[in-house]
């Protein structure tokens, strides 16, 4: 049986990378999941990634240090395996774990507070936040709903405030 640390790391450890046509990558992870990710947008809009517009360089993609990166030029041009997985999940229509990270940051809530707000256990929230389990659509909708009403205490409002009421409550 694997320890908790080993289990929590496998989902971001790459075992295989394949450069595909049209600036896409095929990614396989140690947890057995495989993804395809389209990097055209990132390459076109991110200055440090512009060298990857060279198809010959892009084709040199390989698993980087300890399976934590996709690497093109050692110590100079790589992308994190966790960021690539998040992007692939989002491109496939899923909800990437970084959304939970951002929601926690934006709300200023602790994991305990956020778990209570969503009606789930702290452990499950952390699984979602860390990308160990896929985020159910209902959980992400609950996050968006929380943002819409921004309860001021543990009790939920009975109705959704109008835009004017919302502005007045949070001015």
C-alpha atoms as a PDB file:
ATOM      1  CA  UNK A   1       0.000   0.000   0.000  1.00  0.00           C
ATOM      2  CA  UNK A   2       1.299   3.416  -0.916  1.00  0.00           C
ATOM      3  CA  UNK A   3       1.721   6.112   1.715  1.00  0.00           C
ATOM      4  CA  UNK A   4      -0.333   9.281   1.654  1.00  0.00           C
ATOM      5  CA  UNK A   5       2.539  11.345   0.277  1.00  0.00           C
ATOM      6  CA  UNK A   6       3.202   8.950  -2.595  1.00  0.00           C
ATOM      7  CA  UNK A   7      -0.488   8.764  -3.450  1.00  0.00           C
ATOM      8  CA  UNK A   8      -0.924  12.521  -3.483  1.00  0.00           C
ATOM      9  CA  UNK A   9       2.010  13.019  -5.860  1.00  0.00           C
ATOM     10  CA  UNK A  10       1.249  10.344  -8.498  1.00  0.00           C
ATOM     11  CA  UNK A  11      -1.474  12.322 -10.192  1.00  0.00           C
ATOM     12  CA  UNK A  12       1.039  14.992 -11.264  1.00  0.00           C
ATOM     13  CA  UNK A  13       3.971  12.727 -12.117  1.00  0.00           C
ATOM     14  CA  UNK A  14       4.385  12.281 -15.855  1.00  0.00           C
ATOM     15  CA  UNK A  15       5.369   8.905 -17.249  1.00  0.00           C
ATOM     16  CA  UNK A  16       5.118   9.746 -20.961  1.00  0.00           C
ATOM     17  CA  UNK A  17       4.988  12.792 -23.205  1.00  0.00           C
ATOM     18  CA  UNK A  18       4.336  12.758 -26.933  1.00  0.00           C
ATOM     19  CA  UNK A  19       4.486  15.808 -29.172  1.00  0.00           C
ATOM     20  CA  UNK A  20       1.448  15.721 -31.480  1.00  0.00           C
ATOM     21  CA  UNK A  21       0.539  17.782 -34.551  1.00  0.00           C
ATOM     22  CA  UNK A  22      -0.772  21.327 -34.155  1.00  0.00           C
ATOM     23  CA  UNK A  23       1.161  22.029 -30.922  1.00  0.00           C
ATOM     24  CA  UNK A  24      -0.645  19.435 -28.850  1.00  0.00           C
ATOM     25  CA  UNK A  25       0.873  17.067 -26.302  1.00  0.00           C
ATOM     26  CA  UNK A  26      -0.173  13.585 -25.299  1.00  0.00           C
ATOM     27  CA  UNK A  27       0.441  13.198 -21.552  1.00  0.00           C
ATOM     28  CA  UNK A  28       0.372  10.064 -19.402  1.00  0.00           C
ATOM     29  CA  UNK A  29       0.547  10.266 -15.619  1.00  0.00           C
ATOM     30  CA  UNK A  30       1.640   7.780 -12.975  1.00  0.00           C
ATOM     31  CA  UNK A  31      -1.939   7.459 -11.695  1.00  0.00           C
ATOM     32  CA  UNK A  32      -2.899   5.879 -15.037  1.00  0.00           C
ATOM     33  CA  UNK A  33      -4.717   8.882 -16.517  1.00  0.00           C
ATOM     34  CA  UNK A  34      -3.868  10.193 -19.965  1.00  0.00           C
ATOM     35  CA  UNK A  35      -4.711  13.557 -21.462  1.00  0.00           C
ATOM     36  CA  UNK A  36      -4.265  15.547 -24.621  1.00  0.00           C
ATOM     37  CA  UNK A  37      -3.574  19.249 -24.249  1.00  0.00           C
ATOM     38  CA  UNK A  38      -3.541  21.964 -26.903  1.00  0.00           C
ATOM     39  CA  UNK A  39      -0.785  24.520 -26.285  1.00  0.00           C
ATOM     40  CA  UNK A  40      -1.384  26.801 -29.270  1.00  0.00           C
ATOM     41  CA  UNK A  41      -2.980  29.533 -27.143  1.00  0.00           C
ATOM     42  CA  UNK A  42      -0.261  29.485 -24.501  1.00  0.00           C
ATOM     43  CA  UNK A  43       2.506  29.491 -27.120  1.00  0.00           C
ATOM     44  CA  UNK A  44       0.914  32.373 -29.030  1.00  0.00           C
ATOM     45  CA  UNK A  45       0.317  34.575 -25.969  1.00  0.00           C
ATOM     46  CA  UNK A  46       3.195  33.761 -23.607  1.00  0.00           C
ATOM     47  CA  UNK A  47       6.499  35.384 -24.560  1.00  0.00           C
ATOM     48  CA  UNK A  48       8.774  32.775 -22.888  1.00  0.00           C
ATOM     49  CA  UNK A  49       6.968  30.006 -24.817  1.00  0.00           C
ATOM     50  CA  UNK A  50       7.285  31.631 -28.245  1.00  0.00           C
ATOM     51  CA  UNK A  51      10.369  29.551 -29.162  1.00  0.00           C
ATOM     52  CA  UNK A  52       7.962  26.578 -29.241  1.00  0.00           C
ATOM     53  CA  UNK A  53       6.434  28.026 -32.413  1.00  0.00           C
ATOM     54  CA  UNK A  54       9.372  26.246 -34.069  1.00  0.00           C
ATOM     55  CA  UNK A  55       7.774  22.866 -34.848  1.00  0.00           C
ATOM     56  CA  UNK A  56      11.155  21.098 -34.708  1.00  0.00           C
ATOM     57  CA  UNK A  57      11.752  22.357 -31.158  1.00  0.00           C
ATOM     58  CA  UNK A  58       8.192  21.559 -30.083  1.00  0.00           C
ATOM     59  CA  UNK A  59       8.664  17.982 -31.346  1.00  0.00           C
ATOM     60  CA  UNK A  60      11.532  17.545 -28.830  1.00  0.00           C
ATOM     61  CA  UNK A  61       9.135  17.535 -25.846  1.00  0.00           C
ATOM     62  CA  UNK A  62      10.168  15.008 -23.201  1.00  0.00           C
ATOM     63  CA  UNK A  63       9.488  14.137 -19.578  1.00  0.00           C
ATOM     64  CA  UNK A  64      11.524  16.503 -17.434  1.00  0.00           C
ATOM     65  CA  UNK A  65      12.989  16.306 -13.939  1.00  0.00           C
ATOM     66  CA  UNK A  66      11.346  13.595 -11.800  1.00  0.00           C
ATOM     67  CA  UNK A  67       8.303  13.574 -14.061  1.00  0.00           C
ATOM     68  CA  UNK A  68       7.296  17.018 -12.800  1.00  0.00           C
ATOM     69  CA  UNK A  69       7.712  18.873 -16.081  1.00  0.00           C
ATOM     70  CA  UNK A  70       7.569  18.619 -19.834  1.00  0.00           C
ATOM     71  CA  UNK A  71      10.930  19.856 -20.987  1.00  0.00           C
ATOM     72  CA  UNK A  72      12.221  21.186 -24.282  1.00  0.00           C
ATOM     73  CA  UNK A  73      15.471  22.898 -23.275  1.00  0.00           C
ATOM     74  CA  UNK A  74      17.018  21.709 -20.002  1.00  0.00           C
ATOM     75  CA  UNK A  75      16.876  24.380 -17.272  1.00  0.00           C
ATOM     76  CA  UNK A  76      15.522  26.903 -19.770  1.00  0.00           C
ATOM     77  CA  UNK A  77      12.182  25.882 -21.286  1.00  0.00           C
ATOM     78  CA  UNK A  78       9.686  23.628 -19.547  1.00  0.00           C
ATOM     79  CA  UNK A  79       6.101  23.507 -18.299  1.00  0.00           C
ATOM     80  CA  UNK A  80       4.823  22.057 -15.031  1.00  0.00           C
ATOM     81  CA  UNK A  81       3.031  18.716 -15.204  1.00  0.00           C
ATOM     82  CA  UNK A  82       0.374  19.987 -12.771  1.00  0.00           C
ATOM     83  CA  UNK A  83      -0.402  23.058 -14.889  1.00  0.00           C
ATOM     84  CA  UNK A  84      -0.587  20.954 -18.032  1.00  0.00           C
ATOM     85  CA  UNK A  85      -2.969  18.500 -16.393  1.00  0.00           C
ATOM     86  CA  UNK A  86      -5.182  21.345 -15.178  1.00  0.00           C
ATOM     87  CA  UNK A  87      -5.262  22.851 -18.677  1.00  0.00           C
ATOM     88  CA  UNK A  88      -6.068  19.464 -20.239  1.00  0.00           C
ATOM     89  CA  UNK A  89      -8.951  18.911 -17.799  1.00  0.00           C
ATOM     90  CA  UNK A  90     -10.335  22.373 -18.580  1.00  0.00           C
ATOM     91  CA  UNK A  91      -9.968  21.859 -22.343  1.00  0.00           C
ATOM     92  CA  UNK A  92     -11.861  18.561 -22.046  1.00  0.00           C
ATOM     93  CA  UNK A  93     -14.773  20.391 -20.383  1.00  0.00           C
ATOM     94  CA  UNK A  94     -13.919  19.468 -16.798  1.00  0.00           C
ATOM     95  CA  UNK A  95     -13.239  21.701 -13.838  1.00  0.00           C
ATOM     96  CA  UNK A  96      -9.542  22.072 -13.133  1.00  0.00           C
ATOM     97  CA  UNK A  97      -8.283  21.994  -9.554  1.00  0.00           C
ATOM     98  CA  UNK A  98      -6.787  25.474  -9.869  1.00  0.00           C
ATOM     99  CA  UNK A  99     -10.328  26.887  -9.781  1.00  0.00           C
ATOM    100  CA  UNK A 100     -10.663  25.715  -6.165  1.00  0.00           C
ATOM    101  CA  UNK A 101      -7.261  27.239  -5.309  1.00  0.00           C
ATOM    102  CA  UNK A 102      -8.359  30.554  -6.829  1.00  0.00           C
ATOM    103  CA  UNK A 103     -11.778  30.431  -5.151  1.00  0.00           C
ATOM    104  CA  UNK A 104     -10.172  29.865  -1.757  1.00  0.00           C
ATOM    105  CA  UNK A 105      -7.766  32.736  -2.367  1.00  0.00           C
ATOM    106  CA  UNK A 106     -10.487  35.090  -3.603  1.00  0.00           C
ATOM    107  CA  UNK A 107     -12.835  34.344  -0.698  1.00  0.00           C
ATOM    108  CA  UNK A 108     -10.096  34.341   1.941  1.00  0.00           C
ATOM    109  CA  UNK A 109     -11.625  31.239   3.509  1.00  0.00           C
ATOM    110  CA  UNK A 110      -9.656  28.501   5.216  1.00  0.00           C
ATOM    111  CA  UNK A 111     -10.223  24.918   4.040  1.00  0.00           C
ATOM    112  CA  UNK A 112     -12.363  24.316   7.143  1.00  0.00           C
ATOM    113  CA  UNK A 113     -14.548  27.345   6.435  1.00  0.00           C
ATOM    114  CA  UNK A 114     -14.831  26.506   2.731  1.00  0.00           C
ATOM    115  CA  UNK A 115     -15.758  22.882   3.423  1.00  0.00           C
ATOM    116  CA  UNK A 116     -18.528  24.033   5.793  1.00  0.00           C
ATOM    117  CA  UNK A 117     -19.761  26.554   3.225  1.00  0.00           C
ATOM    118  CA  UNK A 118     -19.956  23.837   0.559  1.00  0.00           C
ATOM    119  CA  UNK A 119     -21.394  21.167   2.846  1.00  0.00           C
ATOM    120  CA  UNK A 120     -18.530  18.728   2.301  1.00  0.00           C
ATOM    121  CA  UNK A 121     -15.717  17.378   4.460  1.00  0.00           C
ATOM    122  CA  UNK A 122     -12.414  19.211   4.725  1.00  0.00           C
ATOM    123  CA  UNK A 123     -10.690  16.115   3.356  1.00  0.00           C
ATOM    124  CA  UNK A 124     -12.871  16.093   0.228  1.00  0.00           C
ATOM    125  CA  UNK A 125     -12.244  19.801  -0.350  1.00  0.00           C
ATOM    126  CA  UNK A 126      -8.507  19.161  -0.149  1.00  0.00           C
ATOM    127  CA  UNK A 127      -8.817  16.256  -2.619  1.00  0.00           C
ATOM    128  CA  UNK A 128     -10.511  18.658  -5.057  1.00  0.00           C
ATOM    129  CA  UNK A 129      -8.079  21.509  -4.365  1.00  0.00           C
ATOM    130  CA  UNK A 130      -5.033  19.304  -4.863  1.00  0.00           C
ATOM    131  CA  UNK A 131      -6.358  17.648  -8.012  1.00  0.00           C
ATOM    132  CA  UNK A 132      -6.554  14.191  -6.451  1.00  0.00           C
ATOM    133  CA  UNK A 133     -10.236  13.835  -7.295  1.00  0.00           C
ATOM    134  CA  UNK A 134     -12.216  15.448 -10.103  1.00  0.00           C
ATOM    135  CA  UNK A 135     -14.349  18.380  -9.023  1.00  0.00           C
ATOM    136  CA  UNK A 136     -18.042  17.571  -9.491  1.00  0.00           C
ATOM    137  CA  UNK A 137     -20.010  20.164 -11.405  1.00  0.00           C
ATOM    138  CA  UNK A 138     -22.332  20.584  -8.392  1.00  0.00           C
ATOM    139  CA  UNK A 139     -19.391  21.565  -6.169  1.00  0.00           C
ATOM    140  CA  UNK A 140     -18.157  24.161  -8.631  1.00  0.00           C
ATOM    141  CA  UNK A 141     -21.698  25.513  -9.008  1.00  0.00           C
ATOM    142  CA  UNK A 142     -21.883  25.741  -5.197  1.00  0.00           C
ATOM    143  CA  UNK A 143     -18.655  27.795  -5.248  1.00  0.00           C
ATOM    144  CA  UNK A 144     -20.170  30.125  -7.836  1.00  0.00           C
ATOM    145  CA  UNK A 145     -23.388  30.337  -5.821  1.00  0.00           C
ATOM    146  CA  UNK A 146     -21.439  31.215  -2.716  1.00  0.00           C
ATOM    147  CA  UNK A 147     -19.748  33.980  -4.674  1.00  0.00           C
ATOM    148  CA  UNK A 148     -23.136  35.253  -5.839  1.00  0.00           C
ATOM    149  CA  UNK A 149     -24.625  35.597  -2.357  1.00  0.00           C
ATOM    150  CA  UNK A 150     -21.505  35.942  -0.177  1.00  0.00           C
ATOM    151  CA  UNK A 151     -23.153  34.910   3.085  1.00  0.00           C
ATOM    152  CA  UNK A 152     -21.964  37.001   6.013  1.00  0.00           C
ATOM    153  CA  UNK A 153     -22.252  34.109   8.520  1.00  0.00           C
ATOM    154  CA  UNK A 154     -23.014  30.379   8.608  1.00  0.00           C
ATOM    155  CA  UNK A 155     -26.666  30.807   7.599  1.00  0.00           C
ATOM    156  CA  UNK A 156     -27.522  30.879   3.927  1.00  0.00           C
ATOM    157  CA  UNK A 157     -29.807  33.570   2.513  1.00  0.00           C
ATOM    158  CA  UNK A 158     -33.364  32.567   1.662  1.00  0.00           C
ATOM    159  CA  UNK A 159     -33.204  34.292  -1.718  1.00  0.00           C
ATOM    160  CA  UNK A 160     -30.575  35.634  -4.073  1.00  0.00           C
ATOM    161  CA  UNK A 161     -30.148  39.399  -3.740  1.00  0.00           C
ATOM    162  CA  UNK A 162     -30.662  41.675  -6.712  1.00  0.00           C
ATOM    163  CA  UNK A 163     -27.574  43.312  -8.163  1.00  0.00           C
ATOM    164  CA  UNK A 164     -28.413  46.511  -6.250  1.00  0.00           C
ATOM    165  CA  UNK A 165     -28.945  44.632  -2.961  1.00  0.00           C
ATOM    166  CA  UNK A 166     -25.707  42.703  -3.505  1.00  0.00           C
ATOM    167  CA  UNK A 167     -23.759  45.917  -4.099  1.00  0.00           C
ATOM    168  CA  UNK A 168     -25.226  47.497  -0.971  1.00  0.00           C
ATOM    169  CA  UNK A 169     -24.402  44.442   1.157  1.00  0.00           C
ATOM    170  CA  UNK A 170     -20.785  44.309   0.011  1.00  0.00           C
ATOM    171  CA  UNK A 171     -19.924  47.959  -0.459  1.00  0.00           C
END
